């Protein structure tokens, strides 16, 4: 995932190239990108989504566990 983040940052460091046809300075975006394999890009981002989805589940369970322990045992 770190490699993907670095690749995205190298292509779109200001996070505007993927959203707009020109930069705030009026320059064309993604002009140095020869091609984009949309299927591979989708699969890579799906992996990132799955990672964060799992992380959300883990953090939610940790929060619920902590709340349950606090309710059961107080400030021990």
N, C-alpha and C. Protein backbone atom coordinates (compact mmCIF):
# COMPACT_ATOMS: atom_id res chain seq x y z
N UNK A 1 0.83 -1.17 0.00
CA UNK A 1 0.00 0.00 0.00
C UNK A 1 0.88 1.25 0.00
N UNK A 2 1.99 1.20 0.70
CA UNK A 2 2.88 2.36 0.74
C UNK A 2 3.39 2.70 -0.66
N UNK A 3 3.69 1.66 -1.44
CA UNK A 3 4.17 1.86 -2.81
C UNK A 3 3.10 2.56 -3.65
N UNK A 4 1.84 2.14 -3.48
CA UNK A 4 0.75 2.76 -4.23
C UNK A 4 0.58 4.23 -3.85
N UNK A 5 0.68 4.52 -2.57
CA UNK A 5 0.56 5.91 -2.11
C UNK A 5 1.67 6.77 -2.70
N UNK A 6 2.89 6.23 -2.73
CA UNK A 6 4.01 6.98 -3.31
C UNK A 6 3.80 7.19 -4.82
N UNK A 7 3.27 6.17 -5.50
CA UNK A 7 3.00 6.32 -6.93
C UNK A 7 1.94 7.39 -7.17
N UNK A 8 0.87 7.36 -6.41
CA UNK A 8 -0.18 8.36 -6.57
C UNK A 8 0.36 9.76 -6.28
N UNK A 9 1.18 9.87 -5.25
CA UNK A 9 1.76 11.16 -4.89
C UNK A 9 2.69 11.68 -5.99
N UNK A 10 3.42 10.78 -6.63
CA UNK A 10 4.31 11.23 -7.70
C UNK A 10 3.54 11.71 -8.92
N UNK A 11 2.35 11.15 -9.16
CA UNK A 11 1.52 11.55 -10.29
C UNK A 11 0.70 12.79 -9.96
N UNK A 12 0.20 12.85 -8.73
CA UNK A 12 -0.74 13.91 -8.33
C UNK A 12 -0.41 14.44 -6.94
N UNK A 13 0.70 15.15 -6.80
CA UNK A 13 1.14 15.60 -5.47
C UNK A 13 0.22 16.60 -4.79
N UNK A 14 -0.58 17.32 -5.56
CA UNK A 14 -1.47 18.32 -4.96
C UNK A 14 -2.92 17.84 -4.88
N UNK A 15 -3.16 16.62 -5.29
CA UNK A 15 -4.50 16.01 -5.26
C UNK A 15 -5.52 16.77 -6.10
N UNK A 16 -5.06 17.46 -7.12
CA UNK A 16 -6.00 18.16 -7.99
C UNK A 16 -6.01 17.58 -9.40
N UNK A 17 -4.96 16.85 -9.76
CA UNK A 17 -4.84 16.33 -11.12
C UNK A 17 -5.93 15.32 -11.47
N UNK A 18 -6.31 14.50 -10.52
CA UNK A 18 -7.34 13.49 -10.79
C UNK A 18 -8.74 14.09 -10.77
N UNK A 19 -8.88 15.30 -10.25
CA UNK A 19 -10.21 15.92 -10.12
C UNK A 19 -10.51 16.98 -11.16
N UNK A 20 -9.47 17.63 -11.67
CA UNK A 20 -9.70 18.78 -12.54
C UNK A 20 -8.87 18.64 -13.82
N UNK A 21 -9.35 19.19 -14.93
CA UNK A 21 -8.58 19.12 -16.19
C UNK A 21 -7.39 20.07 -16.22
N UNK A 22 -7.42 21.11 -15.38
CA UNK A 22 -6.30 22.05 -15.28
C UNK A 22 -6.03 22.35 -13.80
N UNK A 23 -4.81 22.75 -13.51
CA UNK A 23 -4.44 23.11 -12.13
C UNK A 23 -4.98 24.50 -11.81
N UNK A 24 -4.82 24.91 -10.57
CA UNK A 24 -5.23 26.26 -10.16
C UNK A 24 -4.45 27.33 -10.93
N UNK A 25 -3.27 26.95 -11.45
CA UNK A 25 -2.45 27.89 -12.23
C UNK A 25 -2.78 27.83 -13.72
N UNK A 26 -3.77 27.00 -14.09
CA UNK A 26 -4.18 26.90 -15.48
C UNK A 26 -3.40 25.90 -16.32
N UNK A 27 -2.53 25.14 -15.71
CA UNK A 27 -1.74 24.15 -16.45
C UNK A 27 -2.53 22.85 -16.58
N UNK A 28 -2.38 22.13 -17.69
CA UNK A 28 -3.10 20.87 -17.86
C UNK A 28 -2.63 19.84 -16.83
N UNK A 29 -3.58 19.06 -16.33
CA UNK A 29 -3.25 18.03 -15.35
C UNK A 29 -2.99 16.70 -16.07
N UNK A 30 -2.24 15.86 -15.41
CA UNK A 30 -1.91 14.52 -15.90
C UNK A 30 -1.28 14.54 -17.29
N UNK A 31 -0.64 15.64 -17.66
CA UNK A 31 -0.04 15.75 -18.98
C UNK A 31 1.16 14.82 -19.15
N UNK A 32 1.79 14.42 -18.06
CA UNK A 32 2.95 13.53 -18.16
C UNK A 32 2.56 12.06 -17.99
N UNK A 33 1.28 11.77 -17.87
CA UNK A 33 0.81 10.40 -17.73
C UNK A 33 0.49 9.86 -19.11
N UNK A 34 1.28 8.88 -19.56
CA UNK A 34 1.11 8.34 -20.91
C UNK A 34 -0.18 7.55 -21.04
N UNK A 35 -0.46 6.67 -20.08
CA UNK A 35 -1.70 5.89 -20.08
C UNK A 35 -2.04 5.47 -18.66
N UNK A 36 -3.27 5.06 -18.46
CA UNK A 36 -3.73 4.60 -17.16
C UNK A 36 -4.49 3.31 -17.36
N UNK A 37 -4.03 2.25 -16.74
CA UNK A 37 -4.72 0.96 -16.78
C UNK A 37 -5.82 1.03 -15.73
N UNK A 38 -7.02 1.34 -16.16
CA UNK A 38 -8.13 1.59 -15.24
C UNK A 38 -8.45 0.34 -14.42
N UNK A 39 -8.40 -0.82 -15.04
CA UNK A 39 -8.69 -2.06 -14.31
C UNK A 39 -7.67 -2.28 -13.19
N UNK A 40 -6.39 -2.12 -13.49
CA UNK A 40 -5.35 -2.30 -12.47
C UNK A 40 -5.46 -1.23 -11.39
N UNK A 41 -5.77 -0.01 -11.78
CA UNK A 41 -5.95 1.07 -10.81
C UNK A 41 -7.11 0.75 -9.88
N UNK A 42 -8.21 0.27 -10.44
CA UNK A 42 -9.37 -0.11 -9.65
C UNK A 42 -9.02 -1.21 -8.66
N UNK A 43 -8.31 -2.22 -9.12
CA UNK A 43 -7.93 -3.33 -8.24
C UNK A 43 -7.02 -2.86 -7.11
N UNK A 44 -6.10 -1.98 -7.42
CA UNK A 44 -5.19 -1.46 -6.39
C UNK A 44 -5.96 -0.67 -5.34
N UNK A 45 -6.86 0.20 -5.80
CA UNK A 45 -7.64 1.00 -4.85
C UNK A 45 -8.63 0.14 -4.07
N UNK A 46 -9.10 -0.93 -4.67
CA UNK A 46 -9.98 -1.85 -3.96
C UNK A 46 -9.23 -2.49 -2.79
N UNK A 47 -7.95 -2.79 -2.99
CA UNK A 47 -7.12 -3.32 -1.91
C UNK A 47 -6.97 -2.31 -0.78
N UNK A 48 -6.78 -1.05 -1.13
CA UNK A 48 -6.67 0.01 -0.12
C UNK A 48 -7.99 0.14 0.63
N UNK A 49 -9.10 0.11 -0.10
CA UNK A 49 -10.41 0.17 0.53
C UNK A 49 -10.61 -0.98 1.51
N UNK A 50 -10.24 -2.18 1.11
CA UNK A 50 -10.37 -3.34 1.99
C UNK A 50 -9.53 -3.18 3.25
N UNK A 51 -8.32 -2.63 3.10
CA UNK A 51 -7.46 -2.40 4.26
C UNK A 51 -8.14 -1.46 5.25
N UNK A 52 -8.62 -0.32 4.75
CA UNK A 52 -9.24 0.66 5.65
C UNK A 52 -10.58 0.18 6.19
N UNK A 53 -11.29 -0.61 5.42
CA UNK A 53 -12.53 -1.20 5.90
C UNK A 53 -12.24 -2.13 7.08
N UNK A 54 -11.22 -2.96 6.94
CA UNK A 54 -10.82 -3.85 8.04
C UNK A 54 -10.32 -3.07 9.24
N UNK A 55 -9.56 -2.03 8.99
CA UNK A 55 -9.06 -1.20 10.08
C UNK A 55 -10.21 -0.55 10.85
N UNK A 56 -11.23 -0.10 10.12
CA UNK A 56 -12.40 0.48 10.76
C UNK A 56 -13.09 -0.54 11.66
N UNK A 57 -13.20 -1.78 11.19
CA UNK A 57 -13.80 -2.84 12.00
C UNK A 57 -13.00 -3.08 13.27
N UNK A 58 -11.69 -3.16 13.15
CA UNK A 58 -10.82 -3.41 14.31
C UNK A 58 -10.94 -2.28 15.32
N UNK A 59 -10.88 -1.04 14.85
CA UNK A 59 -10.97 0.09 15.76
C UNK A 59 -12.34 0.18 16.42
N UNK A 60 -13.38 -0.15 15.68
CA UNK A 60 -14.72 -0.16 16.25
C UNK A 60 -14.85 -1.20 17.35
N UNK A 61 -14.30 -2.39 17.12
CA UNK A 61 -14.34 -3.44 18.14
C UNK A 61 -13.53 -3.03 19.37
N UNK A 62 -12.37 -2.42 19.17
CA UNK A 62 -11.55 -1.96 20.30
C UNK A 62 -12.30 -0.92 21.12
N UNK A 63 -12.99 0.00 20.44
CA UNK A 63 -13.76 1.03 21.13
C UNK A 63 -14.90 0.39 21.93
N UNK A 64 -15.62 -0.55 21.31
CA UNK A 64 -16.72 -1.22 22.01
C UNK A 64 -16.20 -2.01 23.22
N UNK A 65 -15.07 -2.68 23.06
CA UNK A 65 -14.49 -3.44 24.16
C UNK A 65 -14.11 -2.51 25.31
N UNK A 66 -13.47 -1.40 24.98
CA UNK A 66 -13.07 -0.44 26.00
C UNK A 66 -14.28 0.12 26.73
N UNK A 67 -15.33 0.44 25.99
CA UNK A 67 -16.56 0.96 26.60
C UNK A 67 -17.21 -0.09 27.50
N UNK A 68 -17.19 -1.33 27.06
CA UNK A 68 -17.76 -2.41 27.85
C UNK A 68 -16.97 -2.61 29.14
N UNK A 69 -15.66 -2.58 29.06
CA UNK A 69 -14.82 -2.74 30.25
C UNK A 69 -15.01 -1.57 31.22
N UNK A 70 -15.12 -0.37 30.68
CA UNK A 70 -15.35 0.80 31.54
C UNK A 70 -16.70 0.71 32.23
N UNK A 71 -17.72 0.24 31.52
CA UNK A 71 -19.05 0.10 32.12
C UNK A 71 -19.05 -0.98 33.18
N UNK A 72 -18.30 -2.04 32.93
CA UNK A 72 -18.28 -3.19 33.87
C UNK A 72 -17.41 -2.92 35.09
N UNK A 73 -16.24 -2.32 34.89
CA UNK A 73 -15.28 -2.20 35.97
C UNK A 73 -15.00 -0.76 36.40
N UNK A 74 -15.54 0.20 35.71
CA UNK A 74 -15.32 1.59 36.09
C UNK A 74 -13.87 2.00 35.89
N UNK A 75 -13.37 2.81 36.80
CA UNK A 75 -11.99 3.34 36.70
C UNK A 75 -10.99 2.53 37.48
N UNK A 76 -11.26 1.35 37.81
CA UNK A 76 -10.40 0.46 38.59
C UNK A 76 -9.11 1.06 38.90
